Amino acid sequence: MNKIIFTISTILIFSIVPISARENISSNVKNIQYTQNLIQKKDVLVWKYKSINGKMYNRLYNKTTGKWVGDWIRV
């Protein structure tokens, strides 16, 4: 009985399925490209200023999306 268990265990240990390194490299390249795309799409926010009746106001503008963020704030 012990011989059978030992034989089966030995066969299972040495019957490892090899994984191609080529697949791993391809996967890593895809992950790097995905990460770079995320970095490139980071929002660029800038403050815009205007004067109304001698009073200064500012408002945050998202240059990436072309949209305003929040309302005008008196400075």
PDB file of N, CA and C in Angstrom:
ATOM      1  N   MET A   1       0.824  -1.195   0.000  1.00  0.00           N
ATOM      2  CA  MET A   1       0.000   0.000   0.000  1.00  0.00           C
ATOM      3  C   MET A   1       0.864   1.255   0.000  1.00  0.00           C
ATOM      4  N   ASN A   2       1.930   1.243   0.818  1.00  0.00           N
ATOM      5  CA  ASN A   2       2.836   2.388   0.883  1.00  0.00           C
ATOM      6  C   ASN A   2       3.553   2.596  -0.439  1.00  0.00           C
ATOM      7  N   LYS A   3       3.878   1.500  -1.141  1.00  0.00           N
ATOM      8  CA  LYS A   3       4.554   1.610  -2.435  1.00  0.00           C
ATOM      9  C   LYS A   3       3.650   2.303  -3.453  1.00  0.00           C
ATOM     10  N   ILE A   4       2.366   1.999  -3.419  1.00  0.00           N
ATOM     11  CA  ILE A   4       1.415   2.598  -4.368  1.00  0.00           C
ATOM     12  C   ILE A   4       1.297   4.105  -4.096  1.00  0.00           C
ATOM     13  N   ILE A   5       1.156   4.478  -2.828  1.00  0.00           N
ATOM     14  CA  ILE A   5       1.048   5.900  -2.470  1.00  0.00           C
ATOM     15  C   ILE A   5       2.334   6.628  -2.855  1.00  0.00           C
ATOM     16  N   PHE A   6       3.482   6.029  -2.589  1.00  0.00           N
ATOM     17  CA  PHE A   6       4.766   6.639  -2.936  1.00  0.00           C
ATOM     18  C   PHE A   6       4.886   6.821  -4.451  1.00  0.00           C
ATOM     19  N   THR A   7       4.491   5.820  -5.209  1.00  0.00           N
ATOM     20  CA  THR A   7       4.580   5.876  -6.664  1.00  0.00           C
ATOM     21  C   THR A   7       3.658   6.970  -7.217  1.00  0.00           C
ATOM     22  N   ILE A   8       2.448   7.018  -6.725  1.00  0.00           N
ATOM     23  CA  ILE A   8       1.497   8.038  -7.187  1.00  0.00           C
ATOM     24  C   ILE A   8       2.005   9.436  -6.811  1.00  0.00           C
ATOM     25  N   SER A   9       2.502   9.591  -5.607  1.00  0.00           N
ATOM     26  CA  SER A   9       3.031  10.886  -5.171  1.00  0.00           C
ATOM     27  C   SER A   9       4.204  11.317  -6.044  1.00  0.00           C
ATOM     28  N   THR A  10       5.095  10.404  -6.347  1.00  0.00           N
ATOM     29  CA  THR A  10       6.258  10.704  -7.180  1.00  0.00           C
ATOM     30  C   THR A  10       5.821  11.125  -8.580  1.00  0.00           C
ATOM     31  N   ILE A  11       4.862  10.431  -9.139  1.00  0.00           N
ATOM     32  CA  ILE A  11       4.367  10.764 -10.481  1.00  0.00           C
ATOM     33  C   ILE A  11       3.733  12.166 -10.473  1.00  0.00           C
ATOM     34  N   LEU A  12       2.952  12.468  -9.441  1.00  0.00           N
ATOM     35  CA  LEU A  12       2.310  13.779  -9.360  1.00  0.00           C
ATOM     36  C   LEU A  12       3.328  14.908  -9.183  1.00  0.00           C
ATOM     37  N   ILE A  13       4.352  14.666  -8.396  1.00  0.00           N
ATOM     38  CA  ILE A  13       5.361  15.701  -8.151  1.00  0.00           C
ATOM     39  C   ILE A  13       6.142  16.019  -9.423  1.00  0.00           C
ATOM     40  N   PHE A  14       6.504  15.008 -10.181  1.00  0.00           N
ATOM     41  CA  PHE A  14       7.345  15.220 -11.355  1.00  0.00           C
ATOM     42  C   PHE A  14       6.549  15.438 -12.643  1.00  0.00           C
ATOM     43  N   SER A  15       5.260  15.500 -12.564  1.00  0.00           N
ATOM     44  CA  SER A  15       4.462  15.743 -13.767  1.00  0.00           C
ATOM     45  C   SER A  15       3.938  17.187 -13.775  1.00  0.00           C
ATOM     46  N   ILE A  16       4.836  18.122 -13.506  1.00  0.00           N
ATOM     47  CA  ILE A  16       4.482  19.541 -13.496  1.00  0.00           C
ATOM     48  C   ILE A  16       4.333  20.011 -14.933  1.00  0.00           C
ATOM     49  N   VAL A  17       3.287  20.780 -15.187  1.00  0.00           N
ATOM     50  CA  VAL A  17       3.037  21.296 -16.526  1.00  0.00           C
ATOM     51  C   VAL A  17       3.891  22.547 -16.716  1.00  0.00           C
ATOM     52  N   PRO A  18       4.762  22.539 -17.731  1.00  0.00           N
ATOM     53  CA  PRO A  18       5.611  23.714 -17.940  1.00  0.00           C
ATOM     54  C   PRO A  18       4.799  24.902 -18.479  1.00  0.00           C
ATOM     55  N   ILE A  19       5.151  26.101 -18.031  1.00  0.00           N
ATOM     56  CA  ILE A  19       4.502  27.317 -18.500  1.00  0.00           C
ATOM     57  C   ILE A  19       5.504  28.075 -19.352  1.00  0.00           C
ATOM     58  N   SER A  20       5.057  28.485 -20.487  1.00  0.00           N
ATOM     59  CA  SER A  20       5.931  29.184 -21.418  1.00  0.00           C
ATOM     60  C   SER A  20       6.259  30.580 -20.910  1.00  0.00           C
ATOM     61  N   ALA A  21       7.526  30.958 -20.985  1.00  0.00           N
ATOM     62  CA  ALA A  21       7.941  32.305 -20.579  1.00  0.00           C
ATOM     63  C   ALA A  21       7.387  33.341 -21.531  1.00  0.00           C
ATOM     64  N   ARG A  22       7.132  32.946 -22.735  1.00  0.00           N
ATOM     65  CA  ARG A  22       6.597  33.862 -23.741  1.00  0.00           C
ATOM     66  C   ARG A  22       5.226  34.405 -23.314  1.00  0.00           C
ATOM     67  N   GLU A  23       4.401  33.578 -22.735  1.00  0.00           N
ATOM     68  CA  GLU A  23       3.093  34.013 -22.270  1.00  0.00           C
ATOM     69  C   GLU A  23       3.236  35.022 -21.139  1.00  0.00           C
ATOM     70  N   ASN A  24       4.185  34.791 -20.239  1.00  0.00           N
ATOM     71  CA  ASN A  24       4.394  35.695 -19.114  1.00  0.00           C
ATOM     72  C   ASN A  24       4.881  37.058 -19.587  1.00  0.00           C
ATOM     73  N   ILE A  25       5.765  37.099 -20.542  1.00  0.00           N
ATOM     74  CA  ILE A  25       6.271  38.366 -21.067  1.00  0.00           C
ATOM     75  C   ILE A  25       5.136  39.132 -21.728  1.00  0.00           C
ATOM     76  N   SER A  26       4.337  38.448 -22.505  1.00  0.00           N
ATOM     77  CA  SER A  26       3.210  39.098 -23.169  1.00  0.00           C
ATOM     78  C   SER A  26       2.255  39.689 -22.138  1.00  0.00           C
ATOM     79  N   SER A  27       1.994  38.963 -21.086  1.00  0.00           N
ATOM     80  CA  SER A  27       1.105  39.434 -20.033  1.00  0.00           C
ATOM     81  C   SER A  27       1.692  40.664 -19.346  1.00  0.00           C
ATOM     82  N   ASN A  28       3.004  40.658 -19.081  1.00  0.00           N
ATOM     83  CA  ASN A  28       3.653  41.796 -18.436  1.00  0.00           C
ATOM     84  C   ASN A  28       3.614  43.033 -19.321  1.00  0.00           C
ATOM     85  N   VAL A  29       3.792  42.854 -20.634  1.00  0.00           N
ATOM     86  CA  VAL A  29       3.746  43.982 -21.561  1.00  0.00           C
ATOM     87  C   VAL A  29       2.358  44.598 -21.560  1.00  0.00           C
ATOM     88  N   LYS A  30       1.322  43.774 -21.552  1.00  0.00           N
ATOM     89  CA  LYS A  30      -0.045  44.285 -21.514  1.00  0.00           C
ATOM     90  C   LYS A  30      -0.292  45.072 -20.233  1.00  0.00           C
ATOM     91  N   ASN A  31       0.234  44.577 -19.098  1.00  0.00           N
ATOM     92  CA  ASN A  31       0.060  45.276 -17.825  1.00  0.00           C
ATOM     93  C   ASN A  31       0.769  46.625 -17.845  1.00  0.00           C
ATOM     94  N   ILE A  32       1.955  46.684 -18.433  1.00  0.00           N
ATOM     95  CA  ILE A  32       2.701  47.942 -18.514  1.00  0.00           C
ATOM     96  C   ILE A  32       1.951  48.931 -19.396  1.00  0.00           C
ATOM     97  N   GLN A  33       1.451  48.480 -20.542  1.00  0.00           N
ATOM     98  CA  GLN A  33       0.712  49.366 -21.432  1.00  0.00           C
ATOM     99  C   GLN A  33      -0.549  49.877 -20.751  1.00  0.00           C
ATOM    100  N   TYR A  34      -1.234  49.024 -20.019  1.00  0.00           N
ATOM    101  CA  TYR A  34      -2.446  49.419 -19.305  1.00  0.00           C
ATOM    102  C   TYR A  34      -2.111  50.487 -18.267  1.00  0.00           C
ATOM    103  N   THR A  35      -1.019  50.278 -17.528  1.00  0.00           N
ATOM    104  CA  THR A  35      -0.604  51.236 -16.509  1.00  0.00           C
ATOM    105  C   THR A  35      -0.228  52.565 -17.145  1.00  0.00           C
ATOM    106  N   GLN A  36       0.481  52.543 -18.274  1.00  0.00           N
ATOM    107  CA  GLN A  36       0.866  53.782 -18.940  1.00  0.00           C
ATOM    108  C   GLN A  36      -0.366  54.532 -19.419  1.00  0.00           C
ATOM    109  N   ASN A  37      -1.372  53.836 -19.909  1.00  0.00           N
ATOM    110  CA  ASN A  37      -2.598  54.487 -20.345  1.00  0.00           C
ATOM    111  C   ASN A  37      -3.295  55.170 -19.176  1.00  0.00           C
ATOM    112  N   LEU A  38      -3.258  54.548 -18.009  1.00  0.00           N
ATOM    113  CA  LEU A  38      -3.870  55.157 -16.835  1.00  0.00           C
ATOM    114  C   LEU A  38      -3.130  56.426 -16.441  1.00  0.00           C
ATOM    115  N   ILE A  39      -1.821  56.383 -16.502  1.00  0.00           N
ATOM    116  CA  ILE A  39      -1.023  57.546 -16.124  1.00  0.00           C
ATOM    117  C   ILE A  39      -1.281  58.699 -17.089  1.00  0.00           C
ATOM    118  N   GLN A  40      -1.410  58.418 -18.367  1.00  0.00           N
ATOM    119  CA  GLN A  40      -1.605  59.455 -19.362  1.00  0.00           C
ATOM    120  C   GLN A  40      -2.978  60.111 -19.240  1.00  0.00           C
ATOM    121  N   LYS A  41      -3.919  59.474 -18.638  1.00  0.00           N
ATOM    122  CA  LYS A  41      -5.282  60.013 -18.555  1.00  0.00           C
ATOM    123  C   LYS A  41      -5.540  60.725 -17.237  1.00  0.00           C
ATOM    124  N   LYS A  42      -4.497  61.086 -16.528  1.00  0.00           N
ATOM    125  CA  LYS A  42      -4.665  61.796 -15.275  1.00  0.00           C
ATOM    126  C   LYS A  42      -5.221  63.184 -15.551  1.00  0.00           C
ATOM    127  N   ASP A  43      -6.164  63.631 -14.732  1.00  0.00           N
ATOM    128  CA  ASP A  43      -6.773  64.941 -14.911  1.00  0.00           C
ATOM    129  C   ASP A  43      -5.764  66.058 -14.660  1.00  0.00           C
ATOM    130  N   VAL A  44      -5.808  67.067 -15.518  1.00  0.00           N
ATOM    131  CA  VAL A  44      -4.987  68.258 -15.350  1.00  0.00           C
ATOM    132  C   VAL A  44      -5.926  69.378 -14.904  1.00  0.00           C
ATOM    133  N   LEU A  45      -5.749  69.829 -13.667  1.00  0.00           N
ATOM    134  CA  LEU A  45      -6.611  70.858 -13.087  1.00  0.00           C
ATOM    135  C   LEU A  45      -5.848  72.176 -12.990  1.00  0.00           C
ATOM    136  N   VAL A  46      -6.512  73.269 -13.384  1.00  0.00           N
ATOM    137  CA  VAL A  46      -5.908  74.594 -13.292  1.00  0.00           C
ATOM    138  C   VAL A  46      -6.928  75.569 -12.712  1.00  0.00           C
ATOM    139  N   TRP A  47      -6.425  76.599 -12.048  1.00  0.00           N
ATOM    140  CA  TRP A  47      -7.295  77.642 -11.527  1.00  0.00           C
ATOM    141  C   TRP A  47      -7.469  78.714 -12.587  1.00  0.00           C
ATOM    142  N   LYS A  48      -8.709  79.148 -12.797  1.00  0.00           N
ATOM    143  CA  LYS A  48      -9.038  80.250 -13.705  1.00  0.00           C
ATOM    144  C   LYS A  48      -9.525  81.411 -12.848  1.00  0.00           C
ATOM    145  N   TYR A  49      -9.165  82.622 -13.263  1.00  0.00           N
ATOM    146  CA  TYR A  49      -9.510  83.812 -12.494  1.00  0.00           C
ATOM    147  C   TYR A  49     -10.316  84.773 -13.356  1.00  0.00           C
ATOM    148  N   LYS A  50     -11.201  85.556 -12.691  1.00  0.00           N
ATOM    149  CA  LYS A  50     -11.907  86.629 -13.384  1.00  0.00           C
ATOM    150  C   LYS A  50     -12.264  87.701 -12.362  1.00  0.00           C
ATOM    151  N   SER A  51     -12.477  88.887 -12.885  1.00  0.00           N
ATOM    152  CA  SER A  51     -12.818  90.016 -12.036  1.00  0.00           C
ATOM    153  C   SER A  51     -14.205  90.515 -12.426  1.00  0.00           C
ATOM    154  N   ILE A  52     -15.072  90.644 -11.422  1.00  0.00           N
ATOM    155  CA  ILE A  52     -16.416  91.173 -11.634  1.00  0.00           C
ATOM    156  C   ILE A  52     -16.603  92.344 -10.675  1.00  0.00           C
ATOM    157  N   ASN A  53     -16.848  93.541 -11.247  1.00  0.00           N
ATOM    158  CA  ASN A  53     -17.021  94.757 -10.442  1.00  0.00           C
ATOM    159  C   ASN A  53     -15.852  94.977  -9.469  1.00  0.00           C
ATOM    160  N   GLY A  54     -14.649  94.690  -9.923  1.00  0.00           N
ATOM    161  CA  GLY A  54     -13.459  94.907  -9.092  1.00  0.00           C
ATOM    162  C   GLY A  54     -13.220  93.823  -8.052  1.00  0.00           C
ATOM    163  N   LYS A  55     -14.020  92.777  -8.046  1.00  0.00           N
ATOM    164  CA  LYS A  55     -13.839  91.675  -7.086  1.00  0.00           C
ATOM    165  C   LYS A  55     -13.312  90.458  -7.831  1.00  0.00           C
ATOM    166  N   MET A  56     -12.282  89.841  -7.253  1.00  0.00           N
ATOM    167  CA  MET A  56     -11.617  88.715  -7.897  1.00  0.00           C
ATOM    168  C   MET A  56     -12.291  87.393  -7.512  1.00  0.00           C
ATOM    169  N   TYR A  57     -12.472  86.526  -8.523  1.00  0.00           N
ATOM    170  CA  TYR A  57     -13.060  85.190  -8.328  1.00  0.00           C
ATOM    171  C   TYR A  57     -12.147  84.165  -8.983  1.00  0.00           C
ATOM    172  N   ASN A  58     -12.148  82.957  -8.435  1.00  0.00           N
ATOM    173  CA  ASN A  58     -11.431  81.866  -9.090  1.00  0.00           C
ATOM    174  C   ASN A  58     -12.310  80.620  -9.129  1.00  0.00           C
ATOM    175  N   ARG A  59     -11.967  79.747 -10.080  1.00  0.00           N
ATOM    176  CA  ARG A  59     -12.737  78.509 -10.262  1.00  0.00           C
ATOM    177  C   ARG A  59     -11.798  77.465 -10.842  1.00  0.00           C
ATOM    178  N   LEU A  60     -11.980  76.238 -10.415  1.00  0.00           N
ATOM    179  CA  LEU A  60     -11.143  75.143 -10.885  1.00  0.00           C
ATOM    180  C   LEU A  60     -11.657  74.617 -12.217  1.00  0.00           C
ATOM    181  N   TYR A  61     -10.728  74.423 -13.163  1.00  0.00           N
ATOM    182  CA  TYR A  61     -11.081  73.955 -14.504  1.00  0.00           C
ATOM    183  C   TYR A  61     -10.286  72.689 -14.817  1.00  0.00           C
ATOM    184  N   ASN A  62     -10.971  71.659 -15.324  1.00  0.00           N
ATOM    185  CA  ASN A  62     -10.334  70.396 -15.695  1.00  0.00           C
ATOM    186  C   ASN A  62      -9.978  70.464 -17.184  1.00  0.00           C
ATOM    187  N   LYS A  63      -8.681  70.618 -17.488  1.00  0.00           N
ATOM    188  CA  LYS A  63      -8.247  70.749 -18.879  1.00  0.00           C
ATOM    189  C   LYS A  63      -8.396  69.421 -19.632  1.00  0.00           C
ATOM    190  N   THR A  64      -8.338  68.312 -18.925  1.00  0.00           N
ATOM    191  CA  THR A  64      -8.446  66.999 -19.566  1.00  0.00           C
ATOM    192  C   THR A  64      -9.844  66.771 -20.125  1.00  0.00           C
ATOM    193  N   THR A  65     -10.865  67.090 -19.324  1.00  0.00           N
ATOM    194  CA  THR A  65     -12.246  66.856 -19.755  1.00  0.00           C
ATOM    195  C   THR A  65     -12.888  68.089 -20.365  1.00  0.00           C
ATOM    196  N   GLY A  66     -12.271  69.278 -20.155  1.00  0.00           N
ATOM    197  CA  GLY A  66     -12.838  70.513 -20.670  1.00  0.00           C
ATOM    198  C   GLY A  66     -14.063  70.964 -19.898  1.00  0.00           C
ATOM    199  N   LYS A  67     -14.119  70.607 -18.605  1.00  0.00           N
ATOM    200  CA  LYS A  67     -15.290  70.953 -17.790  1.00  0.00           C
ATOM    201  C   LYS A  67     -14.862  71.703 -16.533  1.00  0.00           C
ATOM    202  N   TRP A  68     -15.780  72.509 -16.033  1.00  0.00           N
ATOM    203  CA  TRP A  68     -15.546  73.227 -14.786  1.00  0.00           C
ATOM    204  C   TRP A  68     -15.731  72.291 -13.597  1.00  0.00           C
ATOM    205  N   VAL A  69     -14.976  72.543 -12.532  1.00  0.00           N
ATOM    206  CA  VAL A  69     -15.091  71.787 -11.292  1.00  0.00           C
ATOM    207  C   VAL A  69     -15.506  72.764 -10.205  1.00  0.00           C
ATOM    208  N   GLY A  70     -16.697  72.631  -9.705  1.00  0.00           N
ATOM    209  CA  GLY A  70     -17.174  73.523  -8.660  1.00  0.00           C
ATOM    210  C   GLY A  70     -17.685  74.855  -9.195  1.00  0.00           C
ATOM    211  N   ASP A  71     -17.874  75.797  -8.278  1.00  0.00           N
ATOM    212  CA  ASP A  71     -18.422  77.118  -8.608  1.00  0.00           C
ATOM    213  C   ASP A  71     -17.342  78.176  -8.465  1.00  0.00           C
ATOM    214  N   TRP A  72     -17.676  79.399  -8.927  1.00  0.00           N
ATOM    215  CA  TRP A  72     -16.776  80.534  -8.757  1.00  0.00           C
ATOM    216  C   TRP A  72     -16.696  80.873  -7.272  1.00  0.00           C
ATOM    217  N   ILE A  73     -15.487  81.141  -6.802  1.00  0.00           N
ATOM    218  CA  ILE A  73     -15.236  81.449  -5.390  1.00  0.00           C
ATOM    219  C   ILE A  73     -14.603  82.842  -5.323  1.00  0.00           C
ATOM    220  N   ARG A  74     -15.135  83.669  -4.453  1.00  0.00           N
ATOM    221  CA  ARG A  74     -14.545  85.010  -4.297  1.00  0.00           C
ATOM    222  C   ARG A  74     -13.239  84.886  -3.528  1.00  0.00           C
ATOM    223  N   VAL A  75     -12.209  85.509  -4.074  1.00  0.00           N
ATOM    224  CA  VAL A  75     -10.874  85.446  -3.473  1.00  0.00           C
ATOM    225  C   VAL A  75     -10.699  86.573  -2.501  1.00  0.00           C
TER     226      VAL A  75
END
